Protein backbone atom coordinates (compact mmCIF):
# COMPACT_ATOMS: atom_id res chain seq x y z
CA MET A 1 76.36 94.82 97.63
CA MET A 2 79.95 95.84 97.00
CA ARG A 3 80.65 99.54 96.65
CA ALA A 4 83.32 102.18 96.56
CA ARG A 5 83.19 105.61 98.50
CA PHE A 6 86.26 108.07 99.35
CA PHE A 7 87.88 107.79 102.56
CA ASP A 8 87.59 110.06 105.45
CA PRO A 9 90.63 111.36 106.99
CA ASP A 10 89.03 110.24 110.55
CA GLU A 11 89.35 106.71 109.12
CA ALA A 12 93.34 106.49 109.21
CA GLY A 13 93.70 104.37 111.54
CA ALA A 14 91.39 101.80 110.33
CA TRP A 15 93.04 101.95 107.11
CA ASP A 16 96.57 101.25 108.35
CA ARG A 17 95.39 98.66 110.36
CA PHE A 18 93.64 97.18 107.13
CA CYS A 19 97.16 97.58 104.87
CA ARG A 20 99.10 95.94 107.62
CA GLY A 21 96.71 92.48 107.10
CA ALA A 22 97.19 93.00 103.57
CA HIS A 23 98.33 90.50 100.98
CA ASN A 24 100.17 93.55 98.66
CA ALA A 25 101.11 96.35 100.91
CA THR A 26 103.45 98.30 102.17
CA PHE A 27 104.25 101.02 104.73
CA LEU A 28 104.37 103.14 101.29
CA HIS A 29 100.32 102.75 101.39
CA SER A 30 99.93 103.89 104.93
CA ARG A 31 98.28 107.00 105.90
CA ALA A 32 101.09 107.38 108.38
CA PHE A 33 103.60 107.58 105.45
CA LEU A 34 100.72 109.41 102.64
CA SER A 35 99.84 112.49 105.21
CA TYR A 36 103.86 113.25 105.25
CA HIS A 37 102.96 115.26 102.26
CA GLY A 38 100.73 117.37 104.29
CA ALA A 39 98.10 119.37 101.30
CA ARG A 40 100.48 118.94 98.84
CA PHE A 41 97.97 116.92 96.87
CA ILE A 42 94.05 116.56 96.96
CA ASP A 43 93.62 113.23 98.40
CA ARG A 44 90.97 111.08 96.10
CA SER A 45 91.74 107.67 97.83
CA VAL A 46 89.12 105.07 97.48
CA VAL A 47 87.71 102.18 100.36
CA ILE A 48 86.15 99.37 98.60
CA GLU A 49 83.41 97.45 101.31
CA ARG A 50 80.54 95.51 101.88
CA PRO A 51 77.88 96.11 104.73
CA GLY A 52 79.87 95.99 107.93
CA GLU A 53 83.47 94.92 105.95
CA TRP A 54 86.42 96.27 103.92
CA LEU A 55 87.19 94.52 101.19
CA GLY A 56 89.92 96.63 99.73
CA VAL A 57 91.66 100.65 99.33
CA ILE A 58 93.14 102.21 96.98
CA PRO A 59 95.43 105.47 97.97
CA ALA A 60 95.14 107.77 95.35
CA ALA A 61 95.07 111.74 95.04
CA GLY A 62 94.56 114.36 92.09
CA HIS A 63 97.57 114.63 89.76
CA PRO A 64 98.97 117.60 90.82
CA ALA A 65 99.82 119.19 87.39
CA ASP A 66 96.40 117.65 85.76
CA PRO A 67 93.05 118.06 87.19
CA THR A 68 91.32 116.18 85.01
CA THR A 69 93.69 113.09 86.26
CA VAL A 70 93.28 111.06 89.78
CA VAL A 71 96.81 108.83 90.03
CA SER A 72 97.24 105.81 92.51
CA HIS A 73 99.63 107.28 94.18
CA PRO A 74 101.49 110.30 92.96
CA GLY A 75 103.25 110.82 96.57
CA ALA A 76 104.28 107.15 96.32
CA SER A 77 106.15 104.82 93.94
CA TYR A 78 103.39 102.35 93.77
CA GLY A 79 99.95 102.50 94.47
CA GLY A 80 97.45 99.47 93.20
CA ILE A 81 94.62 97.85 95.08
CA VAL A 82 95.46 96.88 98.32
CA HIS A 83 93.50 93.71 99.56
CA GLN A 84 93.64 90.96 102.33
CA GLY A 85 92.55 87.97 99.70
CA ARG A 86 89.25 88.95 99.34
CA LEU A 87 89.38 90.80 96.00
CA ARG A 88 90.59 87.56 94.22
CA GLY A 89 89.08 86.22 90.81
CA ALA A 90 86.12 88.34 89.96
CA PRO A 91 85.54 90.30 92.90
CA MET A 92 88.72 92.67 91.55
CA LEU A 93 86.86 93.18 88.74
CA ARG A 94 83.89 94.47 90.15
CA ALA A 95 86.15 96.42 92.40
CA LEU A 96 88.03 98.07 89.74
CA ASP A 97 84.74 99.08 87.94
CA ALA A 98 83.36 100.60 91.18
CA ALA A 99 85.99 102.55 91.96
CA CYS A 100 86.17 104.38 88.32
CA GLU A 101 82.74 104.89 88.60
CA LEU A 102 83.25 106.81 91.46
CA TRP A 103 86.22 108.62 90.24
CA ALA A 104 84.32 109.49 86.99
CA SER A 105 81.28 110.94 88.99
CA ALA A 106 83.43 113.19 91.08
CA GLY A 107 84.39 114.93 87.51
CA TYR A 108 88.60 112.64 86.84
CA ALA A 109 88.76 111.73 83.07
CA ARG A 110 91.67 109.80 83.64
CA LEU A 111 93.37 107.42 86.04
CA GLN A 112 97.20 106.72 85.98
CA TYR A 113 97.88 103.36 88.06
CA LYS A 114 100.56 102.67 89.25
CA ALA A 115 101.38 99.06 89.83
CA VAL A 116 102.51 97.42 92.76
CA PRO A 117 105.75 95.32 91.29
CA HIS A 118 105.17 91.47 92.24
CA ILE A 119 108.00 91.37 94.56
CA TYR A 120 106.46 93.65 97.26
CA GLN A 121 103.62 91.23 97.45
CA ALA A 122 103.38 88.69 100.23
CA ALA A 123 101.32 86.48 98.07
CA PRO A 124 100.33 86.33 94.23
CA ALA A 125 98.03 89.58 94.07
CA GLN A 126 97.82 91.07 90.73
CA GLU A 127 94.36 90.15 89.73
CA ASP A 128 94.27 94.47 89.02
CA LEU A 129 96.33 94.11 86.20
CA TYR A 130 93.76 91.89 84.79
CA ALA A 131 90.88 93.89 85.85
CA LEU A 132 92.82 96.69 83.89
CA PHE A 133 93.41 95.10 80.84
CA ARG A 134 89.60 93.81 80.88
CA ALA A 135 88.28 97.52 81.23
CA GLY A 136 91.01 98.71 78.43
CA ALA A 137 93.55 100.45 80.11
CA VAL A 138 97.02 101.05 78.44
CA ARG A 139 100.29 100.30 79.56
CA TYR A 140 102.21 103.85 79.15
CA ARG A 141 105.52 103.55 80.92
CA ALA A 142 108.09 100.97 82.16
CA ASP A 143 110.69 101.19 84.11
CA LEU A 144 113.42 98.49 84.61
CA SER A 145 114.44 97.76 88.06
CA SER A 146 117.33 95.51 89.25
CA CYS A 147 116.95 92.79 91.55
CA ILE A 148 118.72 90.11 93.68
CA ASP A 149 116.43 86.72 94.70
CA LEU A 150 118.43 86.51 98.22
CA GLY A 151 117.69 82.73 98.58
CA HIS A 152 119.10 82.57 94.70
CA ARG A 153 121.38 85.23 93.86
CA LEU A 154 123.09 85.37 90.93
CA PRO A 155 126.92 85.08 90.74
CA VAL A 156 128.63 88.14 91.52
CA SER A 157 131.40 90.17 89.09
CA GLU A 158 134.54 90.25 89.68
CA ARG A 159 134.86 93.51 89.23
CA ARG A 160 132.28 94.03 92.25
CA LYS A 161 134.20 91.48 94.73
CA ARG A 162 137.61 93.62 93.61
CA GLY A 163 136.11 96.88 94.55
CA GLN A 164 134.80 95.74 98.02
CA ARG A 165 138.70 94.91 98.68
CA ARG A 166 139.73 97.97 97.61
CA ALA A 167 137.11 99.87 99.63
CA LEU A 168 138.30 97.59 102.77
CA ARG A 169 142.13 98.29 101.80
CA ALA A 170 141.12 102.47 101.70
CA GLY A 171 139.32 102.19 105.37
CA VAL A 172 135.87 102.23 104.41
CA GLN A 173 133.71 101.74 107.01
CA VAL A 174 130.23 100.80 106.90
CA VAL A 175 127.86 102.50 109.78
CA GLN A 176 124.08 101.15 110.08
CA GLY A 177 121.60 103.94 111.75
CA ARG A 178 120.82 107.14 111.39
CA ALA A 179 123.75 109.29 113.06
CA HIS A 180 125.09 110.22 109.95
CA LEU A 181 121.71 111.36 107.97
CA ALA A 182 122.64 114.76 108.00
CA ALA A 183 126.19 114.43 106.43
CA LEU A 184 124.27 112.03 103.70
CA TRP A 185 121.80 114.64 102.70
CA LEU A 186 124.75 117.00 101.57
CA VAL A 187 126.51 113.66 99.70
CA LEU A 188 123.08 113.08 98.16
CA ALA A 189 122.34 116.72 97.26
CA ASP A 190 125.81 117.30 95.75
CA ASN A 191 125.57 113.61 93.78
CA LEU A 192 122.12 115.14 92.38
CA MET A 193 122.80 118.51 91.13
CA ARG A 194 126.23 117.42 89.62
CA ASN A 195 124.92 114.61 87.66
CA HIS A 196 121.34 115.44 86.92
CA GLY A 197 120.67 119.27 87.97
CA VAL A 198 117.77 117.70 90.70
CA THR A 199 117.33 117.85 94.26
CA PRO A 200 116.50 114.44 96.27
CA VAL A 201 112.64 114.31 96.38
CA HIS A 202 112.30 114.12 100.19
CA THR A 203 114.05 117.16 101.56
CA PHE A 204 116.23 116.48 105.05
CA ASP A 205 113.30 117.50 106.93
CA GLU A 206 111.02 115.15 105.30
CA ILE A 207 113.22 112.11 105.29
CA SER A 208 114.30 112.68 109.01
CA LEU A 209 110.37 112.84 109.98
CA LEU A 210 109.85 109.75 107.92
CA VAL A 211 112.72 108.03 109.65
CA ASP A 212 111.42 108.90 113.15
CA ARG A 213 107.91 107.77 112.13
CA PHE A 214 109.36 104.54 110.31
CA PRO A 215 112.34 103.28 112.44
CA GLU A 216 111.78 99.71 111.64
CA HIS A 217 110.64 100.66 107.95
CA ILE A 218 113.83 102.91 107.35
CA HIS A 219 117.28 101.73 107.49
CA VAL A 220 120.13 104.09 107.00
CA MET A 221 123.86 102.89 106.18
CA THR A 222 126.91 105.27 105.42
CA ALA A 223 130.43 104.37 104.44
CA VAL A 224 132.85 106.00 106.08
CA VAL A 225 136.12 107.16 105.64
CA ASN A 226 138.73 108.87 107.98
CA GLY A 227 135.55 110.26 109.95
CA VAL A 228 133.95 111.74 106.77
CA VAL A 229 130.53 110.27 105.21
CA GLU A 230 131.68 109.31 101.44
CA ALA A 231 128.60 107.67 100.24
CA GLY A 232 125.45 105.99 101.83
CA ILE A 233 122.18 104.15 100.88
CA VAL A 234 118.74 104.50 102.68
CA LEU A 235 117.02 101.20 102.75
CA PHE A 236 112.89 100.90 102.73
CA LEU A 237 111.88 97.43 104.00
CA GLY A 238 108.74 96.22 103.42
CA PRO A 239 107.42 92.80 104.34
CA THR A 240 109.68 91.27 101.44
CA VAL A 241 111.93 93.56 100.04
CA ALA A 242 115.07 95.59 101.20
CA HIS A 243 114.74 98.48 98.73
CA ALA A 244 117.26 100.87 98.04
CA GLN A 245 115.46 104.29 98.10
CA TYR A 246 118.30 106.24 97.80
CA ILE A 247 122.02 105.90 96.80
CA ALA A 248 124.47 108.39 97.04
CA SER A 249 128.51 108.91 96.99
CA SER A 250 131.11 111.77 96.74
CA GLU A 251 133.74 111.39 94.37
CA SER A 252 136.35 110.81 96.78
CA GLY A 253 133.74 107.89 97.52
CA TYR A 254 133.76 106.29 93.92
CA LYS A 255 137.49 106.30 93.91
CA VAL A 256 138.05 104.05 96.78
CA ASN A 257 134.70 102.04 95.63
CA ALA A 258 132.69 102.55 98.66
CA LEU A 259 129.38 101.63 97.31
CA ASP A 260 130.82 98.28 96.37
CA LEU A 261 131.52 97.24 100.12
CA LEU A 262 128.08 99.51 101.26
CA PHE A 263 126.15 97.41 98.76
CA GLU A 264 127.37 94.07 99.91
CA GLU A 265 126.85 94.78 103.51
CA ALA A 266 123.17 96.16 102.92
CA ILE A 267 122.41 92.37 100.67
CA GLY A 268 123.65 91.02 104.10
CA TYR A 269 121.18 92.83 106.08
CA GLY A 270 117.93 92.60 103.56
CA SER A 271 119.24 88.68 104.15
CA ARG A 272 119.20 89.08 107.88
CA SER A 273 116.08 90.85 108.13
CA GLY A 274 114.48 87.53 106.57
CA LYS A 275 113.64 89.64 103.27
CA ARG A 276 113.12 87.69 99.96
CA TYR A 277 114.53 90.40 97.66
CA PHE A 278 116.67 93.17 97.65
CA ASP A 279 116.01 95.68 95.21
CA PHE A 280 118.43 98.41 94.03
CA GLY A 281 115.43 100.39 92.17
CA ILE A 282 115.09 101.47 88.61
CA SER A 283 117.71 102.87 86.22
CA THR A 284 115.79 103.99 83.65
CA GLU A 285 114.77 107.45 82.94
CA ASP A 286 112.59 109.86 80.97
CA GLN A 287 108.94 107.67 81.96
CA GLY A 288 110.70 104.29 81.10
CA LEU A 289 112.25 105.16 77.59
CA ASN A 290 115.76 104.92 78.14
CA LEU A 291 117.65 103.07 80.03
CA ASN A 292 121.27 104.24 81.84
CA ASP A 293 122.95 100.64 80.51
CA GLY A 294 126.10 101.43 82.68
CA LEU A 295 123.77 102.07 86.35
CA ALA A 296 122.08 99.01 85.09
CA GLN A 297 125.06 96.84 84.69
CA PHE A 298 126.76 98.13 87.96
CA LYS A 299 123.78 96.93 89.92
CA ASN A 300 122.97 93.79 87.94
CA GLU A 301 126.88 92.83 88.55
CA PHE A 302 126.07 92.41 92.38
CA GLY A 303 123.99 89.42 91.00
CA ALA A 304 120.81 91.15 90.47
CA GLY A 305 118.16 90.64 87.53
CA GLY A 306 115.66 92.48 85.73
CA ILE A 307 111.72 93.46 86.88
CA VAL A 308 109.42 95.94 85.83
CA HIS A 309 107.87 98.69 87.57
CA GLU A 310 104.80 99.16 85.45
CA PHE A 311 102.04 102.27 85.09
CA TYR A 312 98.82 102.12 82.95
CA ALA A 313 96.43 104.57 82.29
CA LEU A 314 92.68 104.33 81.82
CA ASN A 315 89.98 106.59 80.00
CA LEU A 316 87.33 107.26 83.13
CA GLN A 317 84.67 108.48 80.94
CA GLY A 318 83.48 105.67 78.07
CA ALA A 319 85.85 103.25 79.17
CA GLY A 320 84.63 99.49 79.45
CA ASN A 321 83.84 97.73 82.60
CA ALA A 322 86.15 95.24 83.55
CA SER A 323 83.36 92.84 85.01
CA GLU A 324 81.53 92.81 82.02
């Protein structure tokens, strides 16, 4: 008999072991990652089980600004129902129904669901999208990201190749490792404030904690000119994807095309690490409604194409059942 229940913090070890064996999980699904938020969110994560066996887990928490909404997950780029293959087909429909009934019984009226993009899945695992459709969910947001299939890379533009040559002539050196992380964070903070009037999602203390906690999954690459960090990328490494979580360049870095060389090195690193995809991240703003075409074009000129990050909303009070 399948049932859904709320996650107990004492089960963090069991949760992380389950995620390591899942078809569609990355380290962002782990309690080790989610716990860095501390008490910022009210956890409403769910375990799907039958007697003696976990079938799936769903990282989730209350929406920080709307107590009637539960999100999978407000502290991660994506969430979703994570499983090891036992929720294929009809069992996924029943799993979503059970989770939604649990959240509804806890007083939530709405679910926001951040689907795991297919490139992050070690095996096809999109039954959750079908279950959401069956339950009456609506896609309320779509972000466009640029992605390279490292086995079938599209042609690199001449402009990006010229940029790489210019960076080499200017003496740009690519340094791998966290030694320059503090300097990179200053460049990133200045970049975001100058261009967007915002600060990084992660503080320096938070990213330092995550780098220490996940040395195999977070990789730092910086572009150094005459001993000064002018640009950098922080890569989040999943089983199938090297994802550029943070990208930053100073004005001096832009003048010498530091990012052109840095990205080419990062793409090579992803390929050597055995990843199938290199994901540059999204180029959309305002909940996906606006496309920064210049940014998308820059990324695509490295040989990338588009993938979509999907977001769904489901009414938990009176919604249809996926399994009916």
